[in-house]
Every structure is written in C-alpha cells, then in structure tokens.
Amino acid sequence: MKQQGLIRLSYRDRIILNFGYLLLALFVLAIVVPMVYIVVASFIDPVTLQNKGITFDFAKWTLTRHINECFPTRQFGRALRMR
C-alpha cells in the first residue's frame, strides 16, 4: 500500500514551523497568565492581597468579595425568593 498525500518537510520548513508554534505559545501564555492571576486574586482577602500579593495559603481565601458584589442587599435575595 502506497502512502499518498504525505509531504516531507525540509529542515528549514520545520524550523520555521516550530518558531511559529513557539510564538503562538508565547501569545497564549501572555493571555492566560493574567486571566488566572485575576481569578485567583478575586478570591483572596483584599487586605492580604494588598500587603502580601498573591498567596496560595487557602486559609486566607474568602468568598466575601463575591458575596458582597453579587448580593449587595437583602432585598436582592427577596427578589429571588431566597430567605
């Protein structure tokens, strides 16, 4: 059985292709790393974040910022019929 449709890349083509993949990976990292930083920082206590920066001590992570932003008043819970 013959292999049809396969193109063998030259050494120069492989270098250019790998350089393109490396450049693409750098662009993806430049986008993903700040997004992860923002998500992690949103769970950390604001005072701890300001004083120490990002910490992976999970005991200092809270949901108070999310709760205060999503449910600012008790009337919001009443509107959703939460008691």
N, C-alpha and C. Protein backbone atom coordinates (compact mmCIF):
# COMPACT_ATOMS: atom_id res chain seq x y z
N MET A 1 0.84 -1.17 0.00
CA MET A 1 0.00 0.00 0.00
C MET A 1 0.89 1.24 0.00
N LYS A 2 0.64 2.15 -0.90
CA LYS A 2 1.45 3.37 -1.00
C LYS A 2 0.86 4.47 -0.13
N GLN A 3 1.74 5.27 0.43
CA GLN A 3 1.30 6.42 1.22
C GLN A 3 1.17 7.61 0.29
N GLN A 4 -0.01 8.12 0.19
CA GLN A 4 -0.24 9.27 -0.67
C GLN A 4 -0.65 10.48 0.17
N GLY A 5 -0.25 11.63 -0.30
CA GLY A 5 -0.66 12.85 0.36
C GLY A 5 0.27 13.30 1.48
N LEU A 6 1.32 12.56 1.76
CA LEU A 6 2.25 12.97 2.81
C LEU A 6 3.34 13.84 2.20
N ILE A 7 3.58 14.97 2.79
CA ILE A 7 4.62 15.88 2.32
C ILE A 7 5.72 15.90 3.36
N ARG A 8 6.91 15.63 2.93
CA ARG A 8 8.04 15.64 3.84
C ARG A 8 8.58 17.06 3.90
N LEU A 9 8.65 17.60 5.12
CA LEU A 9 9.11 18.97 5.30
C LEU A 9 10.63 19.00 5.36
N SER A 10 11.18 20.06 4.79
CA SER A 10 12.63 20.23 4.84
C SER A 10 13.03 20.73 6.23
N TYR A 11 14.31 20.74 6.48
CA TYR A 11 14.84 21.21 7.77
C TYR A 11 14.46 22.66 8.02
N ARG A 12 14.57 23.48 6.99
CA ARG A 12 14.24 24.90 7.12
C ARG A 12 12.75 25.09 7.40
N ASP A 13 11.90 24.30 6.75
CA ASP A 13 10.45 24.39 6.98
C ASP A 13 10.10 24.00 8.41
N ARG A 14 10.75 22.97 8.94
CA ARG A 14 10.47 22.55 10.31
C ARG A 14 10.91 23.62 11.31
N ILE A 15 12.02 24.29 11.03
CA ILE A 15 12.47 25.38 11.92
C ILE A 15 11.46 26.51 11.93
N ILE A 16 10.99 26.91 10.77
CA ILE A 16 10.02 28.00 10.68
C ILE A 16 8.71 27.61 11.34
N LEU A 17 8.27 26.35 11.12
CA LEU A 17 7.04 25.89 11.72
C LEU A 17 7.15 25.85 13.25
N ASN A 18 8.25 25.37 13.78
CA ASN A 18 8.44 25.32 15.23
C ASN A 18 8.56 26.72 15.82
N PHE A 19 9.18 27.64 15.10
CA PHE A 19 9.24 29.03 15.55
C PHE A 19 7.84 29.63 15.63
N GLY A 20 6.99 29.31 14.67
CA GLY A 20 5.60 29.78 14.69
C GLY A 20 4.84 29.22 15.88
N TYR A 21 5.04 27.92 16.17
CA TYR A 21 4.39 27.32 17.33
C TYR A 21 4.88 27.95 18.63
N LEU A 22 6.16 28.24 18.72
CA LEU A 22 6.72 28.89 19.90
C LEU A 22 6.13 30.28 20.09
N LEU A 23 6.02 31.03 19.01
CA LEU A 23 5.43 32.36 19.06
C LEU A 23 3.97 32.29 19.48
N LEU A 24 3.24 31.32 18.95
CA LEU A 24 1.83 31.13 19.33
C LEU A 24 1.71 30.79 20.80
N ALA A 25 2.59 29.92 21.30
CA ALA A 25 2.57 29.55 22.72
C ALA A 25 2.84 30.76 23.61
N LEU A 26 3.75 31.64 23.20
CA LEU A 26 4.04 32.84 23.98
C LEU A 26 2.84 33.78 24.02
N PHE A 27 2.14 33.91 22.90
CA PHE A 27 0.94 34.75 22.87
C PHE A 27 -0.14 34.17 23.78
N VAL A 28 -0.31 32.86 23.75
CA VAL A 28 -1.33 32.23 24.59
C VAL A 28 -0.98 32.41 26.06
N LEU A 29 0.28 32.24 26.43
CA LEU A 29 0.70 32.45 27.81
C LEU A 29 0.50 33.90 28.24
N ALA A 30 0.75 34.83 27.34
CA ALA A 30 0.57 36.25 27.66
C ALA A 30 -0.90 36.58 27.93
N ILE A 31 -1.81 35.77 27.42
CA ILE A 31 -3.23 35.99 27.66
C ILE A 31 -3.71 35.20 28.87
N VAL A 32 -3.28 33.95 29.00
CA VAL A 32 -3.80 33.07 30.04
C VAL A 32 -3.27 33.43 31.43
N VAL A 33 -2.01 33.77 31.56
CA VAL A 33 -1.42 34.05 32.88
C VAL A 33 -2.11 35.24 33.57
N PRO A 34 -2.33 36.37 32.92
CA PRO A 34 -3.06 37.46 33.60
C PRO A 34 -4.49 37.09 33.97
N MET A 35 -5.15 36.27 33.13
CA MET A 35 -6.51 35.85 33.46
C MET A 35 -6.53 35.00 34.72
N VAL A 36 -5.60 34.07 34.83
CA VAL A 36 -5.51 33.23 36.02
C VAL A 36 -5.20 34.09 37.24
N TYR A 37 -4.32 35.06 37.09
CA TYR A 37 -3.98 35.97 38.18
C TYR A 37 -5.21 36.72 38.67
N ILE A 38 -6.04 37.18 37.77
CA ILE A 38 -7.24 37.93 38.13
C ILE A 38 -8.23 37.04 38.87
N VAL A 39 -8.41 35.82 38.39
CA VAL A 39 -9.35 34.91 39.04
C VAL A 39 -8.87 34.54 40.44
N VAL A 40 -7.58 34.22 40.58
CA VAL A 40 -7.04 33.87 41.90
C VAL A 40 -7.11 35.06 42.84
N ALA A 41 -6.80 36.26 42.35
CA ALA A 41 -6.82 37.45 43.19
C ALA A 41 -8.22 37.80 43.65
N SER A 42 -9.24 37.40 42.90
CA SER A 42 -10.60 37.72 43.31
C SER A 42 -11.05 36.91 44.52
N PHE A 43 -10.39 35.80 44.81
CA PHE A 43 -10.76 35.00 45.97
C PHE A 43 -9.96 35.34 47.22
N ILE A 44 -8.92 36.13 47.09
CA ILE A 44 -8.07 36.45 48.23
C ILE A 44 -8.61 37.69 48.94
N ASP A 45 -8.48 37.70 50.25
CA ASP A 45 -8.91 38.84 51.06
C ASP A 45 -8.20 40.11 50.56
N PRO A 46 -8.91 41.21 50.37
CA PRO A 46 -8.30 42.42 49.81
C PRO A 46 -7.11 42.95 50.62
N VAL A 47 -7.18 42.85 51.94
CA VAL A 47 -6.07 43.34 52.77
C VAL A 47 -4.83 42.47 52.57
N THR A 48 -5.02 41.16 52.53
CA THR A 48 -3.90 40.25 52.29
C THR A 48 -3.33 40.46 50.90
N LEU A 49 -4.19 40.67 49.95
CA LEU A 49 -3.73 40.90 48.58
C LEU A 49 -2.91 42.17 48.48
N GLN A 50 -3.33 43.22 49.17
CA GLN A 50 -2.60 44.47 49.12
C GLN A 50 -1.26 44.37 49.85
N ASN A 51 -1.22 43.67 50.98
CA ASN A 51 0.00 43.60 51.77
C ASN A 51 0.99 42.57 51.25
N LYS A 52 0.52 41.39 50.89
CA LYS A 52 1.42 40.30 50.52
C LYS A 52 1.34 39.89 49.07
N GLY A 53 0.34 40.33 48.35
CA GLY A 53 0.17 39.90 46.96
C GLY A 53 -0.52 38.55 46.91
N ILE A 54 -0.34 37.87 45.80
CA ILE A 54 -0.97 36.56 45.62
C ILE A 54 -0.34 35.57 46.58
N THR A 55 -1.17 34.88 47.32
CA THR A 55 -0.70 33.84 48.24
C THR A 55 -1.49 32.57 47.99
N PHE A 56 -0.84 31.45 48.14
CA PHE A 56 -1.54 30.18 47.95
C PHE A 56 -1.86 29.53 49.28
N ASP A 57 -1.97 30.36 50.33
CA ASP A 57 -2.45 29.90 51.62
C ASP A 57 -3.98 29.94 51.55
N PHE A 58 -4.59 28.79 51.33
CA PHE A 58 -6.03 28.74 51.08
C PHE A 58 -6.85 29.17 52.29
N ALA A 59 -6.26 29.23 53.47
CA ALA A 59 -6.99 29.69 54.64
C ALA A 59 -7.32 31.18 54.54
N LYS A 60 -6.57 31.92 53.75
CA LYS A 60 -6.80 33.35 53.61
C LYS A 60 -7.70 33.69 52.42
N TRP A 61 -8.17 32.68 51.72
CA TRP A 61 -9.08 32.91 50.61
C TRP A 61 -10.50 33.01 51.14
N THR A 62 -11.28 33.95 50.63
CA THR A 62 -12.66 34.13 51.10
C THR A 62 -13.58 34.32 49.91
N LEU A 63 -14.85 34.20 50.17
CA LEU A 63 -15.87 34.49 49.17
C LEU A 63 -16.61 35.78 49.47
N THR A 64 -16.15 36.54 50.47
CA THR A 64 -16.88 37.74 50.87
C THR A 64 -16.94 38.77 49.75
N ARG A 65 -15.90 38.90 48.99
CA ARG A 65 -15.93 39.87 47.89
C ARG A 65 -17.00 39.48 46.87
N HIS A 66 -17.09 38.20 46.56
CA HIS A 66 -18.10 37.75 45.59
C HIS A 66 -19.50 37.89 46.15
N ILE A 67 -19.67 37.56 47.41
CA ILE A 67 -20.99 37.67 48.03
C ILE A 67 -21.43 39.13 48.10
N ASN A 68 -20.53 40.03 48.46
CA ASN A 68 -20.88 41.45 48.55
C ASN A 68 -21.18 42.04 47.18
N GLU A 69 -20.51 41.56 46.13
CA GLU A 69 -20.78 42.09 44.80
C GLU A 69 -22.06 41.51 44.21
N CYS A 70 -22.32 40.24 44.45
CA CYS A 70 -23.49 39.60 43.85
C CYS A 70 -24.76 39.86 44.63
N PHE A 71 -24.65 39.94 45.95
CA PHE A 71 -25.81 40.13 46.80
C PHE A 71 -25.58 41.35 47.70
N PRO A 72 -25.67 42.57 47.14
CA PRO A 72 -25.33 43.77 47.93
C PRO A 72 -26.32 44.06 49.04
N THR A 73 -27.57 43.69 48.87
CA THR A 73 -28.56 43.95 49.92
C THR A 73 -29.42 42.72 50.13
N ARG A 74 -30.17 42.72 51.20
CA ARG A 74 -31.08 41.61 51.45
C ARG A 74 -32.27 41.64 50.49
N GLN A 75 -32.55 42.80 49.95
CA GLN A 75 -33.67 42.91 49.02
C GLN A 75 -33.41 42.11 47.75
N PHE A 76 -32.16 41.96 47.38
CA PHE A 76 -31.83 41.17 46.22
C PHE A 76 -32.25 39.70 46.43
N GLY A 77 -31.98 39.21 47.64
CA GLY A 77 -32.40 37.84 47.97
C GLY A 77 -33.90 37.69 47.99
N ARG A 78 -34.61 38.71 48.44
CA ARG A 78 -36.05 38.66 48.44
C ARG A 78 -36.60 38.65 47.03
N ALA A 79 -35.95 39.37 46.15
CA ALA A 79 -36.38 39.39 44.76
C ALA A 79 -36.26 38.00 44.11
N LEU A 80 -35.26 37.25 44.56
CA LEU A 80 -35.09 35.90 44.04
C LEU A 80 -35.85 34.87 44.87
N ARG A 81 -36.58 35.33 45.86
CA ARG A 81 -37.33 34.49 46.79
C ARG A 81 -36.42 33.60 47.61
N MET A 82 -35.26 34.16 47.99
CA MET A 82 -34.35 33.47 48.88
C MET A 82 -34.64 33.97 50.29
N ARG A 83 -34.64 33.11 51.26
CA ARG A 83 -34.91 33.56 52.62
C ARG A 83 -33.81 33.14 53.53
